[in-house]
Amino acid sequence: QVQLVESGGGSVQPGGSLRLECAAYGDDYKHSKDTYYCMGWFRQAPGKEREGVATIGSDDNPNRAGSVWGRFTISEDNSKNILYLQMNSLKPEDTGMYYCALQRIPRRQWRGCAISVIQPDYWGQGTQVTVSS
């Protein structure tokens, strides 16, 4: 089992920056001999469906949604099991609850961590991001 705990959300003005963090506790999913992993950030605005923002995984290949390209960066600190989302040039449409997620995939089923592919097994509790003047 893995527990995900997000932090770093808050309220900022348009054009501002925030860095979200997701700390993972529990199983050593990064060094499993049986599975690979994908981790990602998802967000949900009021009245809208949850959408993928950015993902990264065992192949160290980051993926980002087109709406955040050039503004958001996903990265990992493998020594601390922390996932980051650096968000720059924030816009009001970036407002929402941001969730960290993890999927563990049997190695023979690995297809990468594209946002359209990832199907998380674990979710954090979410951290609120509000962008408003």
N, C-alpha and C. Protein backbone atom coordinates (compact mmCIF):
# COMPACT_ATOMS: atom_id res chain seq x y z
N GLN A 1 0.83 -1.19 0.00
CA GLN A 1 0.00 0.00 0.00
C GLN A 1 0.87 1.25 0.00
N VAL A 2 0.32 2.31 -0.57
CA VAL A 2 1.02 3.59 -0.65
C VAL A 2 0.06 4.68 -0.23
N GLN A 3 0.54 5.61 0.57
CA GLN A 3 -0.23 6.78 0.95
C GLN A 3 0.40 8.01 0.32
N LEU A 4 -0.43 8.87 -0.26
CA LEU A 4 0.03 10.08 -0.93
C LEU A 4 -0.49 11.29 -0.17
N VAL A 5 0.38 12.23 0.12
CA VAL A 5 0.00 13.42 0.88
C VAL A 5 0.47 14.66 0.12
N GLU A 6 -0.48 15.47 -0.32
CA GLU A 6 -0.15 16.67 -1.07
C GLU A 6 -0.01 17.88 -0.15
N SER A 7 0.74 18.86 -0.62
CA SER A 7 0.86 20.14 0.07
C SER A 7 1.28 21.20 -0.94
N GLY A 8 1.21 22.46 -0.53
CA GLY A 8 1.71 23.54 -1.37
C GLY A 8 0.66 24.37 -2.08
N GLY A 9 -0.61 23.98 -1.96
CA GLY A 9 -1.64 24.76 -2.60
C GLY A 9 -1.82 26.11 -1.90
N GLY A 10 -2.61 26.98 -2.51
CA GLY A 10 -2.87 28.28 -1.92
C GLY A 10 -3.56 29.20 -2.90
N SER A 11 -3.60 30.48 -2.55
CA SER A 11 -4.22 31.48 -3.40
C SER A 11 -3.16 32.42 -3.94
N VAL A 12 -3.20 32.65 -5.24
CA VAL A 12 -2.24 33.55 -5.88
C VAL A 12 -2.96 34.40 -6.92
N GLN A 13 -2.31 35.47 -7.29
CA GLN A 13 -2.84 36.32 -8.35
C GLN A 13 -2.43 35.76 -9.71
N PRO A 14 -3.17 36.10 -10.75
CA PRO A 14 -2.76 35.67 -12.10
C PRO A 14 -1.33 36.08 -12.39
N GLY A 15 -0.60 35.16 -13.01
CA GLY A 15 0.81 35.40 -13.28
C GLY A 15 1.74 34.89 -12.20
N GLY A 16 1.17 34.51 -11.06
CA GLY A 16 1.98 34.03 -9.95
C GLY A 16 2.41 32.58 -10.10
N SER A 17 3.12 32.10 -9.09
CA SER A 17 3.66 30.74 -9.11
C SER A 17 3.34 30.01 -7.81
N LEU A 18 3.25 28.70 -7.91
CA LEU A 18 3.12 27.81 -6.76
C LEU A 18 3.88 26.54 -7.07
N ARG A 19 4.35 25.87 -6.01
CA ARG A 19 4.94 24.56 -6.18
C ARG A 19 4.20 23.58 -5.29
N LEU A 20 3.60 22.59 -5.91
CA LEU A 20 2.91 21.54 -5.19
C LEU A 20 3.87 20.39 -4.90
N GLU A 21 3.68 19.76 -3.76
CA GLU A 21 4.48 18.61 -3.40
C GLU A 21 3.57 17.44 -3.05
N CYS A 22 4.01 16.24 -3.38
CA CYS A 22 3.28 15.03 -3.02
C CYS A 22 4.29 14.06 -2.43
N ALA A 23 4.14 13.78 -1.15
CA ALA A 23 5.01 12.84 -0.46
C ALA A 23 4.36 11.46 -0.47
N ALA A 24 5.13 10.45 -0.84
CA ALA A 24 4.62 9.07 -0.91
C ALA A 24 5.19 8.25 0.23
N TYR A 25 4.33 7.53 0.93
CA TYR A 25 4.72 6.69 2.06
C TYR A 25 4.22 5.27 1.84
N GLY A 26 5.02 4.31 2.28
CA GLY A 26 4.57 2.92 2.21
C GLY A 26 5.50 2.08 1.37
N ASP A 27 4.91 1.28 0.48
CA ASP A 27 5.68 0.33 -0.32
C ASP A 27 6.73 1.03 -1.17
N ASP A 28 7.84 0.35 -1.39
CA ASP A 28 8.91 0.87 -2.24
C ASP A 28 8.56 0.58 -3.71
N TYR A 29 7.60 1.33 -4.24
CA TYR A 29 7.09 1.06 -5.57
C TYR A 29 8.11 1.37 -6.66
N LYS A 30 9.10 2.21 -6.36
CA LYS A 30 10.07 2.59 -7.40
C LYS A 30 11.11 1.51 -7.66
N HIS A 31 11.24 0.55 -6.76
CA HIS A 31 12.28 -0.46 -6.92
C HIS A 31 11.70 -1.87 -6.95
N SER A 32 10.45 -1.97 -7.32
CA SER A 32 9.82 -3.28 -7.41
C SER A 32 10.36 -4.04 -8.63
N LYS A 33 10.61 -5.33 -8.45
CA LYS A 33 11.07 -6.16 -9.56
C LYS A 33 9.91 -6.62 -10.44
N ASP A 34 8.69 -6.40 -9.99
CA ASP A 34 7.52 -6.89 -10.71
C ASP A 34 6.73 -5.79 -11.42
N THR A 35 6.88 -4.55 -10.95
CA THR A 35 6.05 -3.47 -11.50
C THR A 35 6.87 -2.24 -11.85
N TYR A 36 6.37 -1.47 -12.81
CA TYR A 36 6.80 -0.11 -13.06
C TYR A 36 5.74 0.81 -12.43
N TYR A 37 5.98 2.11 -12.51
CA TYR A 37 5.02 3.03 -11.92
C TYR A 37 4.85 4.27 -12.79
N CYS A 38 3.68 4.88 -12.62
CA CYS A 38 3.40 6.20 -13.16
C CYS A 38 2.86 7.05 -12.02
N MET A 39 3.30 8.29 -11.95
CA MET A 39 2.75 9.24 -11.00
C MET A 39 2.29 10.47 -11.76
N GLY A 40 1.31 11.14 -11.20
CA GLY A 40 0.81 12.30 -11.92
C GLY A 40 0.04 13.26 -11.05
N TRP A 41 -0.22 14.40 -11.62
CA TRP A 41 -1.07 15.42 -11.02
C TRP A 41 -2.34 15.56 -11.86
N PHE A 42 -3.46 15.57 -11.16
CA PHE A 42 -4.76 15.77 -11.78
C PHE A 42 -5.43 16.95 -11.08
N ARG A 43 -6.39 17.56 -11.74
CA ARG A 43 -7.10 18.66 -11.10
C ARG A 43 -8.58 18.61 -11.46
N GLN A 44 -9.37 19.20 -10.57
CA GLN A 44 -10.80 19.25 -10.80
C GLN A 44 -11.32 20.61 -10.38
N ALA A 45 -11.91 21.32 -11.33
CA ALA A 45 -12.52 22.61 -11.05
C ALA A 45 -14.00 22.39 -10.70
N PRO A 46 -14.59 23.30 -9.96
CA PRO A 46 -16.02 23.15 -9.62
C PRO A 46 -16.89 22.98 -10.85
N GLY A 47 -17.71 21.95 -10.84
CA GLY A 47 -18.62 21.71 -11.94
C GLY A 47 -18.00 21.08 -13.17
N LYS A 48 -16.73 20.72 -13.07
CA LYS A 48 -16.05 20.12 -14.22
C LYS A 48 -15.51 18.75 -13.86
N GLU A 49 -15.21 17.97 -14.88
CA GLU A 49 -14.62 16.66 -14.66
C GLU A 49 -13.14 16.79 -14.31
N ARG A 50 -12.65 15.80 -13.61
CA ARG A 50 -11.23 15.78 -13.28
C ARG A 50 -10.42 15.58 -14.55
N GLU A 51 -9.29 16.27 -14.65
CA GLU A 51 -8.45 16.16 -15.84
C GLU A 51 -7.00 15.96 -15.44
N GLY A 52 -6.27 15.26 -16.28
CA GLY A 52 -4.85 15.07 -16.05
C GLY A 52 -4.08 16.32 -16.40
N VAL A 53 -3.09 16.63 -15.58
CA VAL A 53 -2.27 17.82 -15.78
C VAL A 53 -0.87 17.44 -16.25
N ALA A 54 -0.24 16.51 -15.54
CA ALA A 54 1.12 16.10 -15.88
C ALA A 54 1.42 14.75 -15.24
N THR A 55 2.26 13.96 -15.91
CA THR A 55 2.63 12.64 -15.41
C THR A 55 4.12 12.39 -15.62
N ILE A 56 4.63 11.44 -14.87
CA ILE A 56 6.00 11.00 -15.01
C ILE A 56 6.09 9.61 -14.40
N GLY A 57 7.11 8.83 -14.76
CA GLY A 57 7.15 7.48 -14.20
C GLY A 57 8.49 6.82 -14.36
N SER A 58 8.46 5.50 -14.44
CA SER A 58 9.67 4.71 -14.46
C SER A 58 10.61 5.06 -15.61
N ASP A 59 10.07 5.59 -16.69
CA ASP A 59 10.91 5.93 -17.84
C ASP A 59 11.46 7.36 -17.77
N ASP A 60 11.13 8.08 -16.66
CA ASP A 60 11.60 9.47 -16.49
C ASP A 60 11.20 10.38 -17.63
N ASN A 61 10.13 10.06 -18.32
CA ASN A 61 9.66 10.86 -19.44
C ASN A 61 8.45 11.68 -19.00
N PRO A 62 8.58 12.98 -18.79
CA PRO A 62 7.43 13.78 -18.33
C PRO A 62 6.42 14.01 -19.45
N ASN A 63 5.16 14.05 -19.05
CA ASN A 63 4.08 14.35 -19.98
C ASN A 63 3.25 15.49 -19.39
N ARG A 64 2.78 16.38 -20.22
CA ARG A 64 1.98 17.50 -19.74
C ARG A 64 0.78 17.73 -20.66
N ALA A 65 -0.28 18.18 -20.09
CA ALA A 65 -1.44 18.56 -20.89
C ALA A 65 -1.13 19.82 -21.68
N GLY A 66 -1.74 19.95 -22.83
CA GLY A 66 -1.48 21.10 -23.67
C GLY A 66 -1.78 22.43 -23.00
N SER A 67 -2.78 22.44 -22.12
CA SER A 67 -3.19 23.68 -21.46
C SER A 67 -2.14 24.21 -20.49
N VAL A 68 -1.18 23.38 -20.09
CA VAL A 68 -0.17 23.81 -19.12
C VAL A 68 1.23 23.79 -19.71
N TRP A 69 1.33 23.43 -20.99
CA TRP A 69 2.64 23.34 -21.64
C TRP A 69 3.36 24.68 -21.56
N GLY A 70 4.63 24.60 -21.16
CA GLY A 70 5.43 25.81 -21.06
C GLY A 70 5.26 26.56 -19.75
N ARG A 71 4.29 26.16 -18.92
CA ARG A 71 4.03 26.83 -17.65
C ARG A 71 4.25 25.91 -16.45
N PHE A 72 3.89 24.65 -16.56
CA PHE A 72 3.98 23.70 -15.46
C PHE A 72 5.10 22.70 -15.75
N THR A 73 5.80 22.30 -14.69
CA THR A 73 6.85 21.29 -14.80
C THR A 73 6.67 20.24 -13.72
N ILE A 74 6.65 18.98 -14.12
CA ILE A 74 6.57 17.88 -13.16
C ILE A 74 7.95 17.29 -12.96
N SER A 75 8.27 16.95 -11.72
CA SER A 75 9.58 16.37 -11.43
C SER A 75 9.49 15.52 -10.17
N GLU A 76 10.55 14.76 -9.91
CA GLU A 76 10.61 13.89 -8.74
C GLU A 76 11.92 14.07 -8.00
N ASP A 77 11.86 13.92 -6.69
CA ASP A 77 13.06 13.75 -5.87
C ASP A 77 13.05 12.30 -5.43
N ASN A 78 13.79 11.46 -6.13
CA ASN A 78 13.72 10.03 -5.86
C ASN A 78 14.27 9.66 -4.48
N SER A 79 15.20 10.45 -3.98
CA SER A 79 15.77 10.13 -2.67
C SER A 79 14.77 10.35 -1.55
N LYS A 80 13.78 11.22 -1.80
CA LYS A 80 12.80 11.53 -0.76
C LYS A 80 11.41 11.03 -1.10
N ASN A 81 11.23 10.40 -2.24
CA ASN A 81 9.91 9.95 -2.69
C ASN A 81 8.91 11.11 -2.70
N ILE A 82 9.30 12.20 -3.31
CA ILE A 82 8.43 13.36 -3.43
C ILE A 82 8.24 13.71 -4.90
N LEU A 83 7.00 13.95 -5.25
CA LEU A 83 6.63 14.40 -6.59
C LEU A 83 6.31 15.88 -6.51
N TYR A 84 6.80 16.64 -7.49
CA TYR A 84 6.58 18.08 -7.51
C TYR A 84 5.79 18.50 -8.74
N LEU A 85 5.10 19.62 -8.60
CA LEU A 85 4.52 20.29 -9.76
C LEU A 85 4.81 21.78 -9.59
N GLN A 86 5.74 22.26 -10.40
CA GLN A 86 6.04 23.69 -10.40
C GLN A 86 5.10 24.37 -11.38
N MET A 87 4.33 25.31 -10.86
CA MET A 87 3.32 25.99 -11.67
C MET A 87 3.67 27.46 -11.78
N ASN A 88 3.97 27.92 -12.97
CA ASN A 88 4.30 29.32 -13.24
C ASN A 88 3.24 29.94 -14.14
N SER A 89 3.24 31.26 -14.19
CA SER A 89 2.29 32.00 -15.05
C SER A 89 0.87 31.49 -14.86
N LEU A 90 0.46 31.38 -13.62
CA LEU A 90 -0.85 30.82 -13.33
C LEU A 90 -1.97 31.70 -13.86
N LYS A 91 -3.04 31.03 -14.29
CA LYS A 91 -4.21 31.69 -14.86
C LYS A 91 -5.44 31.34 -14.02
N PRO A 92 -6.47 32.16 -14.05
CA PRO A 92 -7.69 31.83 -13.30
C PRO A 92 -8.25 30.46 -13.66
N GLU A 93 -8.09 30.03 -14.91
CA GLU A 93 -8.60 28.71 -15.30
C GLU A 93 -7.79 27.55 -14.73
N ASP A 94 -6.68 27.85 -14.06
CA ASP A 94 -5.93 26.80 -13.36
C ASP A 94 -6.51 26.51 -11.98
N THR A 95 -7.48 27.28 -11.57
CA THR A 95 -8.10 27.08 -10.25
C THR A 95 -8.76 25.72 -10.15
N GLY A 96 -8.55 25.06 -9.02
CA GLY A 96 -9.17 23.77 -8.79
C GLY A 96 -8.50 23.02 -7.66
N MET A 97 -9.03 21.84 -7.37
CA MET A 97 -8.40 20.93 -6.42
C MET A 97 -7.41 20.07 -7.18
N TYR A 98 -6.18 20.05 -6.71
CA TYR A 98 -5.13 19.29 -7.37
C TYR A 98 -4.84 18.02 -6.58
N TYR A 99 -4.81 16.92 -7.30
CA TYR A 99 -4.62 15.61 -6.68
C TYR A 99 -3.36 14.94 -7.24
N CYS A 100 -2.65 14.29 -6.34
CA CYS A 100 -1.52 13.45 -6.71
C CYS A 100 -2.03 12.02 -6.87
N ALA A 101 -1.47 11.28 -7.81
CA ALA A 101 -1.94 9.93 -8.07
C ALA A 101 -0.78 9.02 -8.45
N LEU A 102 -0.96 7.73 -8.18
CA LEU A 102 0.06 6.72 -8.47
C LEU A 102 -0.59 5.50 -9.09
N GLN A 103 0.03 4.97 -10.13
CA GLN A 103 -0.37 3.69 -10.68
C GLN A 103 0.84 2.77 -10.72
N ARG A 104 0.63 1.55 -10.29
CA ARG A 104 1.66 0.52 -10.38
C ARG A 104 1.23 -0.45 -11.48
N ILE A 105 2.15 -0.71 -12.41
CA ILE A 105 1.82 -1.49 -13.60
C ILE A 105 2.72 -2.71 -13.70
N PRO A 106 2.16 -3.90 -13.86
CA PRO A 106 3.01 -5.08 -14.11
C PRO A 106 3.92 -4.81 -15.31
N ARG A 107 5.15 -5.20 -15.20
CA ARG A 107 6.15 -4.85 -16.22
C ARG A 107 5.74 -5.28 -17.61
N ARG A 108 5.08 -6.40 -17.73
CA ARG A 108 4.71 -6.89 -19.06
C ARG A 108 3.58 -6.05 -19.67
N GLN A 109 2.93 -5.21 -18.88
CA GLN A 109 1.83 -4.39 -19.36
C GLN A 109 2.23 -2.92 -19.52
N TRP A 110 3.49 -2.62 -19.39
CA TRP A 110 3.96 -1.24 -19.43
C TRP A 110 3.70 -0.60 -20.78
N ARG A 111 3.09 0.58 -20.78
CA ARG A 111 2.82 1.33 -21.99
C ARG A 111 3.23 2.80 -21.84
N GLY A 112 4.00 3.10 -20.80
CA GLY A 112 4.37 4.48 -20.58
C GLY A 112 3.35 5.19 -19.72
N CYS A 113 3.53 6.49 -19.52
CA CYS A 113 2.71 7.26 -18.58
C CYS A 113 2.00 8.43 -19.25
N ALA A 114 1.63 8.27 -20.50
CA ALA A 114 0.87 9.34 -21.14
C ALA A 114 -0.40 9.61 -20.33
N ILE A 115 -0.83 10.86 -20.32
CA ILE A 115 -2.00 11.24 -19.53
C ILE A 115 -3.22 10.43 -19.94
N SER A 116 -3.34 10.10 -21.20
CA SER A 116 -4.50 9.33 -21.67
C SER A 116 -4.42 7.86 -21.29
N VAL A 117 -3.25 7.41 -20.82
CA VAL A 117 -3.04 5.99 -20.52
C VAL A 117 -3.14 5.69 -19.02
N ILE A 118 -2.64 6.59 -18.19
CA ILE A 118 -2.54 6.33 -16.76
C ILE A 118 -3.91 6.09 -16.12
N GLN A 119 -3.98 5.07 -15.29
CA GLN A 119 -5.19 4.71 -14.54
C GLN A 119 -4.77 4.51 -13.08
N PRO A 120 -4.78 5.56 -12.27
CA PRO A 120 -4.24 5.49 -10.91
C PRO A 120 -4.93 4.49 -10.00
N ASP A 121 -4.08 3.88 -9.16
CA ASP A 121 -4.56 2.99 -8.11
C ASP A 121 -4.67 3.73 -6.77
N TYR A 122 -3.87 4.77 -6.61
CA TYR A 122 -3.81 5.51 -5.35
C TYR A 122 -4.00 7.00 -5.63
N TRP A 123 -4.70 7.65 -4.68
CA TRP A 123 -4.95 9.09 -4.79
C TRP A 123 -4.64 9.77 -3.46
N GLY A 124 -4.16 11.00 -3.54
CA GLY A 124 -4.03 11.82 -2.35
C GLY A 124 -5.35 12.50 -2.03
N GLN A 125 -5.34 13.29 -0.97
CA GLN A 125 -6.56 13.93 -0.52
C GLN A 125 -6.83 15.25 -1.23
N GLY A 126 -5.83 15.77 -1.93
CA GLY A 126 -5.99 16.98 -2.71
C GLY A 126 -5.51 18.22 -2.00
N THR A 127 -5.10 19.21 -2.79
CA THR A 127 -4.71 20.51 -2.26
C THR A 127 -5.31 21.58 -3.19
N GLN A 128 -5.91 22.61 -2.60
CA GLN A 128 -6.64 23.61 -3.36
C GLN A 128 -5.71 24.67 -3.92
N VAL A 129 -5.91 24.98 -5.20
CA VAL A 129 -5.20 26.07 -5.86
C VAL A 129 -6.24 27.06 -6.36
N THR A 130 -6.09 28.32 -5.97
CA THR A 130 -7.01 29.37 -6.40
C THR A 130 -6.22 30.50 -7.02
N VAL A 131 -6.56 30.83 -8.26
CA VAL A 131 -5.88 31.90 -8.98
C VAL A 131 -6.92 32.99 -9.25
N SER A 132 -6.74 34.12 -8.59
CA SER A 132 -7.74 35.18 -8.69
C SER A 132 -7.11 36.52 -8.35
N SER A 133 -7.61 37.56 -9.03
CA SER A 133 -7.13 38.89 -8.71
C SER A 133 -8.02 39.55 -7.66
